[in-house]
Amino acid sequence: MFGKWTGAGGAKEVISGRQRQTCSPTRALGITLGMRFITIGLLVTAVARFALGQDVPIAFTNAHVIPINGDEIARGTVVIHQGKIVAVGASGEVTIPTGAEQRDCTGKTIMPGLVDTHSHLGGPWAADGSAPIQPDVHVIDSLNVRDAGYQKAQAGGITTANIMSGSGHLLSGQTVYVKLRDGKTIDDLAIKNPDGSIAGGVKMANGTNSIRQAAAGPFPGTRAKSAALVREQFTKAIEYRDKIDRAKGDESKLPSRDRGLEVLVDIMAGKRVVHHHTHRHDDILTVLRLSKEFGFKVVLHHVSEAWKVAPQIAEAKAPCSVIVIDSPGGKPEAKDLSLETGKVLDEAGVLVGFHTDDPITDSRLFLRSAALSVRAGMKRDRALYAMTMAGAIMLDMDKQVGSIEVGKDADLIILTGDPLSVYTHVQETYVDGTRVFDRSNEEDRLMATGGYGAGRDQMLFTECCLGGGQ
């Protein structure tokens, strides 16, 4: 792993601790890397084992399996190979490949890796104060993937995330979808579209965050002006698109290239999803109005007052990514936030997911979102769906992640007990079949529990000066 910090602040080797077993192995593959000091010869052996990890099938047996898209399996087996799930079912009914490493997970729970639809890991500063709408800005150009926040998210069982810039602008830039692999650059984490481009959406916002005083120049001073500026830019994008269409490839008739307008054209063409920060019920309705007017797909984020307009959201078929906060405060427009929001929206027929908005809520505590929502009346299976499959759908990644199904990416978490219990911990996290977190490892446990060195290289994302945040 990249630069794991020890209590004394020292970096470990890339492979540090990654081969320690938690679920008991019944087929030994080599030497456990739990020692603090190892010889050069052993290090070579360890590197070879790490490299071959995807070549040897792994069978997790006797676990309580929660596949999400299907009934829970009281005593189940999950087999992964070369980064994919190759089998899942009741133990004794699954054929385990010859030569597979078997891990007895009796007493443990296995479920899909969690999908965080709204995160600010790695300090994603994007748009600046020059304009309220900046679609040409891409958050990928400002991320530090060596930030300790990524490791803490792994400790919370998060395997896929949508990393976005702040909400101090009407449109603050393009987002990036990532797998929380161990990596040294954003290219190691960024998810690619079939055409090779970087997968992601666009971050938009309304309400008080993007409002400035008149002296702030181009920024809006009211909610109505905020909507007017959005309409103005989308209208320009329509004119830009139509000029290109009329030119029919004649370069002399083509307008000057405008990368920002190109992004807005892609939004209207459905090539990018709008992830829209919004709280108050009237702000939510404004977003739905704009979405219908310009034909863009939208996921509503935060939605503190969504419970007031659940029928309208359901009618618009707009998914909601809900933030679950158990302590009031933050801003006036979130004063009517309710723990029952997930329940109300789900019962209205709205696709409901959850997010951390890290660092607003800690990625290590993400499962609390489901637990608190269940306490407020949401059905258990729907709350777990919201932590996994719903988020995958919102990111257009439901064919790859979000459930334990044959053919999907081997993104799994092993828990010490029921996922909604306050006593349960994430024991191990796997991304594409590779273990990226192991609580029994000293450096990983530090990231999970905190203490000296756990946040030394972490940069918290804040937007105090720009009115951002939750």
Protein backbone atom coordinates (compact mmCIF):
# COMPACT_ATOMS: atom_id res chain seq x y z
CA MET A 1 0.00 0.00 0.00
CA PHE A 2 1.14 3.56 -0.59
CA GLY A 3 2.87 5.12 2.39
CA LYS A 4 0.86 3.69 5.33
CA TRP A 5 1.69 5.86 8.35
CA THR A 6 2.76 4.13 11.51
CA GLY A 7 2.29 5.63 14.96
CA ALA A 8 5.71 7.22 14.63
CA GLY A 9 4.88 8.65 11.24
CA GLY A 10 7.05 6.31 9.15
CA ALA A 11 6.00 4.93 5.75
CA LYS A 12 5.80 1.19 5.16
CA GLU A 13 6.45 -0.76 2.00
CA VAL A 14 3.76 -1.00 -0.67
CA ILE A 15 2.84 -4.57 0.28
CA SER A 16 2.96 -4.00 4.04
CA GLY A 17 0.63 -6.33 5.92
CA ARG A 18 -1.48 -7.31 2.96
CA GLN A 19 -1.16 -11.08 3.36
CA ARG A 20 -2.29 -11.51 6.95
CA GLN A 21 -5.31 -13.77 7.29
CA THR A 22 -8.43 -13.00 9.29
CA CYS A 23 -10.80 -15.70 8.13
CA SER A 24 -8.82 -18.85 8.90
CA PRO A 25 -7.09 -20.28 5.77
CA THR A 26 -7.30 -24.03 5.22
CA ARG A 27 -4.67 -24.00 2.47
CA ALA A 28 -1.41 -22.24 3.33
CA LEU A 29 0.05 -20.23 0.44
CA GLY A 30 3.23 -18.99 2.03
CA ILE A 31 4.70 -16.94 4.81
CA THR A 32 2.52 -14.55 6.81
CA LEU A 33 3.71 -10.98 6.56
CA GLY A 34 2.87 -10.07 10.13
CA MET A 35 6.46 -9.60 11.27
CA ARG A 36 7.77 -6.10 11.76
CA PHE A 37 11.12 -7.05 10.23
CA ILE A 38 11.68 -9.45 7.32
CA THR A 39 14.70 -10.46 5.35
CA ILE A 40 15.26 -9.60 1.72
CA GLY A 41 14.59 -13.21 0.77
CA LEU A 42 11.25 -13.24 2.53
CA LEU A 43 10.35 -9.91 0.94
CA VAL A 44 10.88 -11.38 -2.52
CA THR A 45 8.60 -14.30 -1.58
CA ALA A 46 5.98 -11.88 -0.29
CA VAL A 47 6.03 -9.81 -3.47
CA ALA A 48 5.56 -12.96 -5.53
CA ARG A 49 2.57 -13.98 -3.40
CA PHE A 50 1.00 -10.55 -3.73
CA ALA A 51 1.41 -10.61 -7.51
CA LEU A 52 -0.16 -14.07 -7.76
CA GLY A 53 -3.11 -13.23 -5.52
CA GLN A 54 -5.47 -12.75 -8.44
CA ASP A 55 -4.28 -15.95 -10.15
CA VAL A 56 -5.33 -18.18 -7.25
CA PRO A 57 -9.10 -18.45 -6.60
CA ILE A 58 -10.17 -17.58 -3.07
CA ALA A 59 -13.21 -19.22 -1.47
CA PHE A 60 -14.71 -17.54 1.59
CA THR A 61 -16.72 -20.28 3.29
CA ASN A 62 -19.26 -20.59 6.12
CA ALA A 63 -20.02 -16.85 6.21
CA HIS A 64 -23.35 -15.09 6.62
CA VAL A 65 -23.64 -13.70 3.08
CA ILE A 66 -25.74 -10.62 2.24
CA PRO A 67 -25.75 -10.51 -1.59
CA ILE A 68 -28.18 -7.51 -1.71
CA ASN A 69 -29.86 -8.69 -4.93
CA GLY A 70 -31.20 -11.83 -3.31
CA ASP A 71 -31.98 -13.43 0.03
CA GLU A 72 -29.38 -13.49 2.78
CA ILE A 73 -27.53 -16.81 3.08
CA ALA A 74 -27.08 -17.97 6.65
CA ARG A 75 -24.05 -20.16 5.85
CA GLY A 76 -22.68 -19.28 2.47
CA THR A 77 -19.64 -19.36 0.22
CA VAL A 78 -18.29 -16.67 -2.08
CA VAL A 79 -15.55 -17.48 -4.60
CA ILE A 80 -13.48 -14.79 -6.30
CA HIS A 81 -10.88 -15.12 -9.05
CA GLN A 82 -8.96 -12.60 -11.16
CA GLY A 83 -10.87 -9.68 -9.71
CA LYS A 84 -14.35 -11.09 -10.29
CA ILE A 85 -16.99 -12.98 -8.33
CA VAL A 86 -17.18 -16.45 -9.85
CA ALA A 87 -19.55 -18.23 -7.46
CA VAL A 88 -21.92 -17.51 -4.57
CA GLY A 89 -24.36 -19.76 -2.74
CA ALA A 90 -24.96 -21.93 0.29
CA SER A 91 -21.88 -23.69 1.62
CA GLY A 92 -21.88 -27.24 0.36
CA GLU A 93 -23.71 -26.26 -2.81
CA VAL A 94 -20.91 -24.18 -4.35
CA THR A 95 -18.19 -25.96 -6.30
CA ILE A 96 -14.85 -24.68 -5.06
CA PRO A 97 -12.19 -24.64 -7.81
CA THR A 98 -9.29 -27.06 -7.48
CA GLY A 99 -6.32 -25.38 -5.85
CA ALA A 100 -8.36 -22.52 -4.43
CA GLU A 101 -7.37 -20.95 -1.15
CA GLN A 102 -10.18 -21.56 1.32
CA ARG A 103 -10.88 -19.19 4.20
CA ASP A 104 -13.24 -20.24 6.94
CA CYS A 105 -15.35 -17.20 7.79
CA THR A 106 -17.53 -18.78 10.46
CA GLY A 107 -19.13 -16.01 12.53
CA LYS A 108 -18.37 -13.36 9.93
CA THR A 109 -20.65 -11.49 7.52
CA ILE A 110 -19.80 -10.84 3.87
CA MET A 111 -21.55 -8.17 1.82
CA PRO A 112 -20.70 -6.00 -1.21
CA GLY A 113 -18.35 -3.08 -0.83
CA LEU A 114 -20.16 0.15 0.03
CA VAL A 115 -20.79 2.81 -2.61
CA ASP A 116 -20.40 6.42 -1.48
CA THR A 117 -22.17 8.66 -3.98
CA HIS A 118 -20.85 11.93 -2.55
CA SER A 119 -17.37 12.33 -1.08
CA HIS A 120 -14.66 14.98 -0.84
CA LEU A 121 -11.67 12.71 -0.20
CA GLY A 122 -8.27 14.05 -1.16
CA GLY A 123 -8.97 17.80 -1.11
CA PRO A 124 -10.92 18.20 -4.37
CA TRP A 125 -10.70 21.96 -4.90
CA ALA A 126 -12.10 22.69 -8.34
CA ALA A 127 -13.93 25.89 -9.39
CA ASP A 128 -12.57 29.23 -8.16
CA GLY A 129 -14.19 32.59 -7.45
CA SER A 130 -14.13 33.87 -11.02
CA ALA A 131 -17.61 32.64 -12.02
CA PRO A 132 -20.57 30.74 -10.54
CA ILE A 133 -20.72 28.18 -13.38
CA GLN A 134 -17.48 26.44 -14.41
CA PRO A 135 -18.21 23.15 -16.23
CA ASP A 136 -14.77 23.01 -17.85
CA VAL A 137 -13.09 22.42 -14.47
CA HIS A 138 -12.37 18.77 -13.60
CA VAL A 139 -11.84 17.62 -10.03
CA ILE A 140 -9.39 14.99 -11.26
CA ASP A 141 -6.80 17.77 -11.60
CA SER A 142 -6.82 18.52 -7.87
CA LEU A 143 -6.89 15.18 -6.04
CA ASN A 144 -4.22 13.78 -3.75
CA VAL A 145 -4.83 10.02 -3.68
CA ARG A 146 -2.05 9.52 -1.10
CA ASP A 147 -4.25 11.31 1.41
CA ALA A 148 -4.97 9.18 4.51
CA GLY A 149 -8.69 9.77 3.98
CA TYR A 150 -8.72 7.10 1.27
CA GLN A 151 -7.36 4.52 3.70
CA LYS A 152 -9.93 5.52 6.30
CA ALA A 153 -12.67 5.06 3.72
CA GLN A 154 -11.33 1.55 3.05
CA ALA A 155 -11.53 0.93 6.79
CA GLY A 156 -15.21 1.89 6.60
CA GLY A 157 -15.88 -0.65 3.87
CA ILE A 158 -16.20 1.88 1.03
CA THR A 159 -14.95 0.47 -2.28
CA THR A 160 -16.48 2.88 -4.83
CA ALA A 161 -16.93 6.64 -4.51
CA ASN A 162 -18.02 9.71 -6.43
CA ILE A 163 -15.53 12.44 -5.53
CA MET A 164 -16.85 15.94 -6.06
CA SER A 165 -15.88 19.52 -5.58
CA GLY A 166 -17.81 21.81 -3.24
CA SER A 167 -21.21 23.44 -3.34
CA GLY A 168 -20.16 27.09 -3.31
CA HIS A 169 -20.96 27.37 -7.03
CA LEU A 170 -24.00 26.73 -9.16
CA LEU A 171 -21.77 24.35 -11.10
CA SER A 172 -18.33 23.67 -9.64
CA GLY A 173 -17.00 21.17 -12.16
CA GLN A 174 -16.82 17.56 -13.27
CA THR A 175 -16.70 14.74 -10.72
CA VAL A 176 -14.69 11.53 -10.84
CA TYR A 177 -15.82 8.01 -9.99
CA VAL A 178 -13.12 5.97 -8.28
CA LYS A 179 -12.43 2.50 -6.95
CA LEU A 180 -10.64 2.73 -3.62
CA ARG A 181 -7.71 0.65 -4.75
CA ASP A 182 -4.28 1.16 -3.25
CA GLY A 183 -2.57 3.54 -5.65
CA LYS A 184 -0.06 6.30 -6.05
CA THR A 185 -1.81 8.46 -8.67
CA ILE A 186 -5.40 9.21 -9.62
CA ASP A 187 -4.96 7.00 -12.69
CA ASP A 188 -4.69 4.01 -10.35
CA LEU A 189 -8.13 4.76 -8.87
CA ALA A 190 -10.16 6.46 -11.59
CA ILE A 191 -12.84 4.36 -13.27
CA LYS A 192 -12.78 4.41 -17.05
CA ASN A 193 -15.71 4.42 -19.47
CA PRO A 194 -15.74 1.89 -22.33
CA ASP A 195 -14.26 4.56 -24.62
CA GLY A 196 -11.34 5.12 -22.25
CA SER A 197 -12.55 8.44 -20.86
CA ILE A 198 -12.73 9.15 -17.13
CA ALA A 199 -16.09 8.19 -15.60
CA GLY A 200 -17.89 10.88 -13.64
CA GLY A 201 -20.75 13.33 -13.48
CA VAL A 202 -21.11 17.06 -12.88
CA LYS A 203 -21.54 18.81 -9.53
CA MET A 204 -24.24 21.47 -9.27
CA ALA A 205 -25.76 23.25 -6.27
CA ASN A 206 -28.43 25.70 -5.23
CA GLY A 207 -29.65 27.25 -2.02
CA THR A 208 -27.56 29.42 0.29
CA ASN A 209 -24.15 27.90 -0.53
CA SER A 210 -23.91 29.43 -3.99
CA ILE A 211 -25.46 32.80 -3.09
CA ARG A 212 -23.15 35.81 -2.63
CA GLN A 213 -23.63 39.44 -1.80
CA ALA A 214 -23.95 41.87 -4.72
CA ALA A 215 -20.30 42.86 -4.31
CA ALA A 216 -19.27 39.35 -5.29
CA GLY A 217 -19.63 40.18 -8.97
CA PRO A 218 -21.06 37.41 -11.16
CA PHE A 219 -22.45 35.27 -8.33
CA PRO A 220 -26.21 35.28 -7.66
CA GLY A 221 -27.71 37.15 -4.72
CA THR A 222 -31.02 35.28 -4.60
CA ARG A 223 -32.48 31.85 -5.30
CA ALA A 224 -34.36 33.13 -8.34
CA LYS A 225 -31.21 34.66 -9.81
CA SER A 226 -29.41 31.35 -9.23
CA ALA A 227 -31.93 29.55 -11.42
CA ALA A 228 -31.83 32.34 -14.00
CA LEU A 229 -28.05 32.01 -14.39
CA VAL A 230 -28.34 28.25 -14.86
CA ARG A 231 -30.98 28.74 -17.55
CA GLU A 232 -28.79 31.32 -19.27
CA GLN A 233 -25.84 28.93 -19.51
CA PHE A 234 -27.89 25.96 -20.70
CA THR A 235 -29.52 28.21 -23.32
CA LYS A 236 -26.05 29.17 -24.56
CA ALA A 237 -25.17 25.48 -24.71
CA ILE A 238 -28.24 24.78 -26.85
CA GLU A 239 -27.25 27.56 -29.26
CA TYR A 240 -23.68 26.19 -29.34
CA ARG A 241 -24.94 22.68 -30.09
CA ASP A 242 -27.28 23.89 -32.81
CA LYS A 243 -24.50 25.87 -34.53
CA ILE A 244 -22.37 22.74 -34.63
CA ASP A 245 -25.26 20.73 -36.05
CA ARG A 246 -25.95 23.35 -38.73
CA ALA A 247 -22.28 23.49 -39.73
CA LYS A 248 -22.40 19.81 -40.74
CA GLY A 249 -18.65 19.50 -40.45
CA ASP A 250 -17.81 22.72 -42.35
CA GLU A 251 -14.98 24.19 -40.26
CA SER A 252 -15.62 27.69 -41.57
CA LYS A 253 -19.09 27.59 -40.00
CA LEU A 254 -18.18 25.95 -36.72
CA PRO A 255 -18.23 28.13 -33.57
CA SER A 256 -15.02 28.58 -31.59
CA ARG A 257 -14.53 25.62 -29.33
CA ASP A 258 -15.89 26.08 -25.80
CA ARG A 259 -15.05 23.19 -23.47
CA GLY A 260 -17.47 24.39 -20.82
CA LEU A 261 -20.40 24.45 -23.23
CA GLU A 262 -19.36 21.03 -24.51
CA VAL A 263 -19.88 19.64 -21.01
CA LEU A 264 -23.34 21.21 -20.79
CA VAL A 265 -24.21 19.71 -24.18
CA ASP A 266 -23.10 16.30 -22.87
CA ILE A 267 -25.31 16.79 -19.83
CA MET A 268 -28.36 17.46 -21.99
CA ALA A 269 -27.48 14.46 -24.15
CA GLY A 270 -27.49 12.20 -21.08
CA LYS A 271 -23.78 11.49 -21.24
CA ARG A 272 -23.20 12.93 -17.78
CA VAL A 273 -25.34 12.76 -14.66
CA VAL A 274 -25.88 15.95 -12.66
CA HIS A 275 -25.19 15.42 -8.97
CA HIS A 276 -27.13 18.29 -7.42
CA HIS A 277 -26.63 19.63 -3.91
CA THR A 278 -30.02 20.81 -2.64
CA HIS A 279 -31.72 21.01 0.76
CA ARG A 280 -34.93 23.02 1.04
CA HIS A 281 -38.11 21.65 -0.52
CA ASP A 282 -38.49 24.65 -2.84
CA ASP A 283 -34.87 24.30 -3.98
CA ILE A 284 -35.52 20.62 -4.72
CA LEU A 285 -38.49 21.54 -6.89
CA THR A 286 -36.39 24.13 -8.72
CA VAL A 287 -33.86 21.41 -9.61
CA LEU A 288 -36.64 19.14 -10.89
CA ARG A 289 -38.00 22.03 -12.95
CA LEU A 290 -34.62 22.70 -14.55
CA SER A 291 -34.02 19.00 -15.14
CA LYS A 292 -37.30 18.73 -17.04
CA GLU A 293 -36.71 21.97 -18.95
CA PHE A 294 -33.28 20.99 -20.24
CA GLY A 295 -33.66 17.21 -20.23
CA PHE A 296 -30.77 16.27 -17.99
CA LYS A 297 -30.54 13.29 -15.64
CA VAL A 298 -30.17 14.30 -12.02
CA VAL A 299 -29.40 12.74 -8.66
CA LEU A 300 -30.58 14.91 -5.77
CA HIS A 301 -28.04 15.11 -2.93
CA HIS A 302 -28.57 15.83 0.78
CA VAL A 303 -32.32 16.59 0.36
CA SER A 304 -32.95 17.66 3.96
CA GLU A 305 -36.57 18.50 3.18
CA ALA A 306 -37.24 15.79 0.60
CA TRP A 307 -39.81 14.24 2.94
CA LYS A 308 -41.98 17.32 2.28
CA VAL A 309 -42.08 16.76 -1.49
CA ALA A 310 -41.62 12.98 -1.83
CA PRO A 311 -44.52 12.54 -4.32
CA GLN A 312 -43.08 15.17 -6.67
CA ILE A 313 -39.62 13.56 -6.51
CA ALA A 314 -41.12 10.15 -7.22
CA GLU A 315 -43.10 11.50 -10.16
CA ALA A 316 -39.92 12.99 -11.63
CA LYS A 317 -38.13 9.64 -11.12
CA ALA A 318 -35.20 11.47 -9.56
CA PRO A 319 -32.93 9.34 -7.31
CA CYS A 320 -31.97 10.80 -3.93
CA SER A 321 -28.59 10.47 -2.25
CA VAL A 322 -29.35 11.17 1.40
CA ILE A 323 -26.96 12.34 4.10
CA VAL A 324 -27.80 10.96 7.53
CA ILE A 325 -26.77 13.27 10.36
CA ASP A 326 -27.75 12.53 13.95
CA SER A 327 -26.85 15.94 15.35
CA PRO A 328 -28.75 19.06 14.20
CA GLY A 329 -27.01 22.13 12.87
CA GLY A 330 -24.94 23.11 9.87
CA LYS A 331 -27.17 25.64 8.15
CA PRO A 332 -30.70 27.11 8.42
CA GLU A 333 -31.97 25.36 5.29
CA ALA A 334 -31.19 21.98 6.86
CA LYS A 335 -33.10 22.67 10.09
CA ASP A 336 -35.95 20.32 9.10
CA LEU A 337 -33.65 17.42 8.29
CA SER A 338 -35.22 14.14 9.40
CA LEU A 339 -33.87 10.65 10.04
CA GLU A 340 -37.09 9.40 8.44
CA THR A 341 -36.18 10.84 5.03
CA GLY A 342 -34.90 7.50 3.70
CA LYS A 343 -38.05 5.72 4.85
CA VAL A 344 -40.44 8.34 3.43
CA LEU A 345 -38.70 8.48 0.05
CA ASP A 346 -38.36 4.71 -0.27
CA GLU A 347 -42.03 4.18 0.51
CA ALA A 348 -42.89 6.82 -2.10
CA GLY A 349 -41.04 4.81 -4.74
CA VAL A 350 -37.89 6.95 -4.94
CA LEU A 351 -34.51 5.27 -5.44
CA VAL A 352 -32.67 6.05 -2.19
CA GLY A 353 -28.94 5.92 -1.58
CA PHE A 354 -26.71 7.27 1.18
CA HIS A 355 -23.49 9.27 1.20
CA THR A 356 -20.89 10.52 3.65
CA ASP A 357 -20.07 13.95 2.23
CA ASP A 358 -16.74 13.15 3.91
CA PRO A 359 -15.51 14.96 5.97
CA ILE A 360 -19.02 16.10 7.01
CA THR A 361 -19.52 12.51 8.19
CA ASP A 362 -16.61 10.13 8.65
CA SER A 363 -16.20 7.46 5.98
CA ARG A 364 -15.27 4.96 8.70
CA LEU A 365 -18.80 5.30 10.11
CA PHE A 366 -20.72 5.04 6.83
CA LEU A 367 -22.73 1.98 7.89
CA ARG A 368 -24.35 4.10 10.60
CA SER A 369 -26.38 5.76 7.82
CA ALA A 370 -28.26 2.53 7.25
CA ALA A 371 -28.53 1.72 10.95
CA LEU A 372 -30.00 5.11 11.89
CA SER A 373 -32.41 4.98 8.97
CA VAL A 374 -33.63 1.55 10.06
CA ARG A 375 -34.11 2.88 13.57
CA ALA A 376 -36.25 5.63 12.00
CA GLY A 377 -38.45 3.08 10.22
CA MET A 378 -36.73 2.20 6.95
CA LYS A 379 -36.79 -1.50 6.10
CA ARG A 380 -33.51 -3.31 6.73
CA ASP A 381 -33.14 -4.72 3.23
CA ARG A 382 -33.87 -1.34 1.65
CA ALA A 383 -31.33 0.40 3.89
CA LEU A 384 -28.61 -2.08 2.93
CA TYR A 385 -29.64 -1.69 -0.72
CA ALA A 386 -29.20 2.07 -0.29
CA MET A 387 -25.61 1.53 0.92
CA THR A 388 -24.67 -0.55 -2.11
CA MET A 389 -26.85 -1.20 -5.14
CA ALA A 390 -28.71 2.11 -5.16
CA GLY A 391 -25.45 4.03 -5.23
CA ALA A 392 -24.15 1.83 -8.04
CA ILE A 393 -27.27 2.65 -10.07
CA MET A 394 -26.81 6.38 -9.44
CA LEU A 395 -23.27 6.16 -10.81
CA ASP A 396 -24.35 3.99 -13.77
CA MET A 397 -22.15 1.21 -12.38
CA ASP A 398 -24.78 -1.33 -11.39
CA LYS A 399 -23.48 -3.86 -13.91
CA GLN A 400 -20.10 -3.88 -12.14
CA VAL A 401 -20.64 -3.25 -8.42
CA GLY A 402 -23.28 -3.03 -5.72
CA SER A 403 -24.15 -6.69 -5.15
CA ILE A 404 -22.55 -10.11 -4.80
CA GLU A 405 -23.38 -11.68 -8.15
CA VAL A 406 -21.40 -13.85 -10.53
CA GLY A 407 -19.54 -11.72 -13.06
CA LYS A 408 -19.41 -8.57 -10.97
CA ASP A 409 -16.23 -7.02 -9.59
CA ALA A 410 -14.92 -8.72 -6.46
CA ASP A 411 -15.57 -5.74 -4.20
CA LEU A 412 -16.37 -7.25 -0.81
CA ILE A 413 -16.27 -6.44 2.87
CA ILE A 414 -15.94 -8.95 5.69
CA LEU A 415 -17.64 -7.83 8.91
CA THR A 416 -17.31 -9.17 12.43
CA GLY A 417 -21.11 -9.30 12.82
CA ASP A 418 -24.36 -7.79 11.63
CA PRO A 419 -23.75 -4.66 9.50
CA LEU A 420 -26.23 -2.58 11.51
CA SER A 421 -24.80 -3.39 14.93
CA VAL A 422 -22.78 -0.75 16.76
CA TYR A 423 -20.48 -3.55 17.92
CA THR A 424 -19.60 -4.67 14.39
CA HIS A 425 -16.33 -3.71 12.68
CA VAL A 426 -15.15 -3.98 9.10
CA GLN A 427 -12.53 -6.73 9.30
CA GLU A 428 -11.34 -6.77 5.69
CA THR A 429 -12.08 -4.81 2.51
CA TYR A 430 -11.45 -6.12 -1.00
CA VAL A 431 -11.42 -4.13 -4.22
CA ASP A 432 -11.26 -6.04 -7.50
CA GLY A 433 -10.30 -9.11 -5.49
CA THR A 434 -7.33 -7.47 -3.78
CA ARG A 435 -7.40 -6.85 -0.05
CA VAL A 436 -6.92 -3.15 0.66
CA PHE A 437 -7.78 -3.18 4.38
CA ASP A 438 -7.13 -5.70 7.12
CA ARG A 439 -8.04 -4.69 10.66
CA SER A 440 -5.64 -7.27 12.10
CA ASN A 441 -2.77 -5.36 10.50
CA GLU A 442 -1.20 -2.73 12.75
CA GLU A 443 -1.12 0.12 10.23
CA ASP A 444 -4.62 -0.59 8.93
CA ARG A 445 -6.06 -0.78 12.44
CA LEU A 446 -4.55 2.64 13.14
CA MET A 447 -6.55 4.07 10.24
CA ALA A 448 -9.71 2.41 11.54
CA THR A 449 -9.43 3.43 15.17
CA GLY A 450 -7.42 6.66 15.07
CA GLY A 451 -4.50 7.75 17.19
CA TYR A 452 -1.17 9.42 16.59
CA GLY A 453 -0.24 9.26 12.90
CA ALA A 454 -3.70 8.32 11.62
CA GLY A 455 -4.40 11.72 10.10
CA ARG A 456 -0.93 13.12 9.66
CA ASP A 457 -1.10 13.28 5.87
CA GLN A 458 -4.84 13.95 5.61
CA MET A 459 -6.13 17.18 4.10
CA LEU A 460 -9.71 17.92 5.06
CA PHE A 461 -11.78 19.57 2.36
CA THR A 462 -13.56 22.71 3.53
CA GLU A 463 -15.16 25.63 1.78
CA CYS A 464 -15.72 28.06 4.62
CA CYS A 465 -14.68 31.02 2.52
CA LEU A 466 -16.93 29.97 -0.35
CA GLY A 467 -19.99 28.94 1.61
CA GLY A 468 -19.54 25.26 0.80
CA GLY A 469 -19.78 22.06 2.72
CA GLN A 470 -22.86 20.07 3.57
